[in-house]
């Protein structure tokens, strides 16, 4: 699958949210890097995030589950 966001594309995100759900696109902090990923699964305060381009994406398939607190914003535009 091709990535939904191409490099240089603008997006609008909010840090004001109550919860995250599978299918939503979020900005997460992993180490010192902020990444835009899609939430695939949520369980007991943790999220499993994946990139849309699975062949090259560095995501939870490589680094595992993240705490929900790693989400710093939810993407609200464009709707992906």
C-alpha atoms as a PDB file:
ATOM      1  CA  UNK A   1       0.000   0.000   0.000  1.00  0.00           C
ATOM      2  CA  UNK A   2       1.245   3.493  -0.789  1.00  0.00           C
ATOM      3  CA  UNK A   3       1.553   5.941   2.114  1.00  0.00           C
ATOM      4  CA  UNK A   4      -1.503   8.143   2.651  1.00  0.00           C
ATOM      5  CA  UNK A   5       0.752  11.126   3.397  1.00  0.00           C
ATOM      6  CA  UNK A   6       3.556  12.041   1.050  1.00  0.00           C
ATOM      7  CA  UNK A   7       6.643  13.954   2.242  1.00  0.00           C
ATOM      8  CA  UNK A   8       5.926  17.680   2.416  1.00  0.00           C
ATOM      9  CA  UNK A   9       2.161  17.236   2.720  1.00  0.00           C
ATOM     10  CA  UNK A  10       0.544  19.441   5.334  1.00  0.00           C
ATOM     11  CA  UNK A  11      -1.742  18.025   7.973  1.00  0.00           C
ATOM     12  CA  UNK A  12      -3.742  19.347  10.891  1.00  0.00           C
ATOM     13  CA  UNK A  13      -3.579  17.559  14.219  1.00  0.00           C
ATOM     14  CA  UNK A  14      -4.857  18.208  17.714  1.00  0.00           C
ATOM     15  CA  UNK A  15      -3.406  17.327  21.080  1.00  0.00           C
ATOM     16  CA  UNK A  16      -6.879  17.534  22.597  1.00  0.00           C
ATOM     17  CA  UNK A  17      -8.415  14.076  22.517  1.00  0.00           C
ATOM     18  CA  UNK A  18      -9.943  11.651  25.000  1.00  0.00           C
ATOM     19  CA  UNK A  19      -8.976   8.349  23.422  1.00  0.00           C
ATOM     20  CA  UNK A  20      -7.562   6.698  20.326  1.00  0.00           C
ATOM     21  CA  UNK A  21      -9.227   3.994  18.268  1.00  0.00           C
ATOM     22  CA  UNK A  22      -8.050   1.548  15.620  1.00  0.00           C
ATOM     23  CA  UNK A  23      -7.932   3.162  12.195  1.00  0.00           C
ATOM     24  CA  UNK A  24      -7.101   6.646  13.451  1.00  0.00           C
ATOM     25  CA  UNK A  25      -3.932   8.376  12.286  1.00  0.00           C
ATOM     26  CA  UNK A  26      -1.834   9.743  15.121  1.00  0.00           C
ATOM     27  CA  UNK A  27       1.486  11.417  15.784  1.00  0.00           C
ATOM     28  CA  UNK A  28       3.516   9.393  18.271  1.00  0.00           C
ATOM     29  CA  UNK A  29       6.818  10.076  19.948  1.00  0.00           C
ATOM     30  CA  UNK A  30       9.141   7.092  19.741  1.00  0.00           C
ATOM     31  CA  UNK A  31      12.518   7.825  21.260  1.00  0.00           C
ATOM     32  CA  UNK A  32      13.457  11.294  20.060  1.00  0.00           C
ATOM     33  CA  UNK A  33      11.462  11.022  16.837  1.00  0.00           C
ATOM     34  CA  UNK A  34       7.873  11.989  16.066  1.00  0.00           C
ATOM     35  CA  UNK A  35       6.180   9.614  13.641  1.00  0.00           C
ATOM     36  CA  UNK A  36       2.835   9.692  11.841  1.00  0.00           C
ATOM     37  CA  UNK A  37       1.267   6.227  12.073  1.00  0.00           C
ATOM     38  CA  UNK A  38      -2.107   4.515  11.953  1.00  0.00           C
ATOM     39  CA  UNK A  39      -3.408   2.852  15.117  1.00  0.00           C
ATOM     40  CA  UNK A  40      -3.994  -0.806  14.356  1.00  0.00           C
ATOM     41  CA  UNK A  41      -4.807  -2.139  17.830  1.00  0.00           C
ATOM     42  CA  UNK A  42      -5.424  -0.802  21.331  1.00  0.00           C
ATOM     43  CA  UNK A  43      -5.113  -2.841  24.525  1.00  0.00           C
ATOM     44  CA  UNK A  44      -4.784  -2.008  28.212  1.00  0.00           C
ATOM     45  CA  UNK A  45      -3.164   1.403  27.846  1.00  0.00           C
ATOM     46  CA  UNK A  46      -1.006   0.414  24.874  1.00  0.00           C
ATOM     47  CA  UNK A  47      -1.248   0.927  21.128  1.00  0.00           C
ATOM     48  CA  UNK A  48       0.118  -0.966  18.138  1.00  0.00           C
ATOM     49  CA  UNK A  49       0.835   1.453  15.299  1.00  0.00           C
ATOM     50  CA  UNK A  50       1.667   0.737  11.667  1.00  0.00           C
ATOM     51  CA  UNK A  51       2.654   2.725   8.622  1.00  0.00           C
ATOM     52  CA  UNK A  52       0.589   2.564   5.462  1.00  0.00           C
ATOM     53  CA  UNK A  53       3.598   1.463   3.401  1.00  0.00           C
ATOM     54  CA  UNK A  54       4.417  -1.755   5.234  1.00  0.00           C
ATOM     55  CA  UNK A  55       7.459  -2.610   3.082  1.00  0.00           C
ATOM     56  CA  UNK A  56       9.484   0.353   4.371  1.00  0.00           C
ATOM     57  CA  UNK A  57       7.690   1.562   7.494  1.00  0.00           C
ATOM     58  CA  UNK A  58       9.427   1.423  10.865  1.00  0.00           C
ATOM     59  CA  UNK A  59       6.528   0.837  13.233  1.00  0.00           C
ATOM     60  CA  UNK A  60       5.247  -1.459  15.992  1.00  0.00           C
ATOM     61  CA  UNK A  61       6.131  -4.477  13.873  1.00  0.00           C
ATOM     62  CA  UNK A  62       9.765  -3.525  14.571  1.00  0.00           C
ATOM     63  CA  UNK A  63       9.649  -1.835  17.991  1.00  0.00           C
ATOM     64  CA  UNK A  64       6.520  -3.318  19.579  1.00  0.00           C
ATOM     65  CA  UNK A  65       3.619  -1.827  21.520  1.00  0.00           C
ATOM     66  CA  UNK A  66       3.769   1.781  22.717  1.00  0.00           C
ATOM     67  CA  UNK A  67       2.101   3.326  25.756  1.00  0.00           C
ATOM     68  CA  UNK A  68      -0.973   5.377  24.849  1.00  0.00           C
ATOM     69  CA  UNK A  69       0.869   8.337  26.395  1.00  0.00           C
ATOM     70  CA  UNK A  70       3.200   8.208  23.357  1.00  0.00           C
ATOM     71  CA  UNK A  71       0.390   9.746  21.285  1.00  0.00           C
ATOM     72  CA  UNK A  72       0.996  13.475  21.163  1.00  0.00           C
ATOM     73  CA  UNK A  73      -1.754  14.330  18.645  1.00  0.00           C
ATOM     74  CA  UNK A  74      -4.490  12.910  16.440  1.00  0.00           C
ATOM     75  CA  UNK A  75      -4.605  13.872  12.773  1.00  0.00           C
ATOM     76  CA  UNK A  76      -7.914  15.561  11.963  1.00  0.00           C
ATOM     77  CA  UNK A  77      -7.173  16.758   8.412  1.00  0.00           C
ATOM     78  CA  UNK A  78      -6.909  15.402   5.843  1.00  0.00           C
ATOM     79  CA  UNK A  79      -9.233  12.522   6.662  1.00  0.00           C
ATOM     80  CA  UNK A  80      -7.110   9.493   5.935  1.00  0.00           C
END
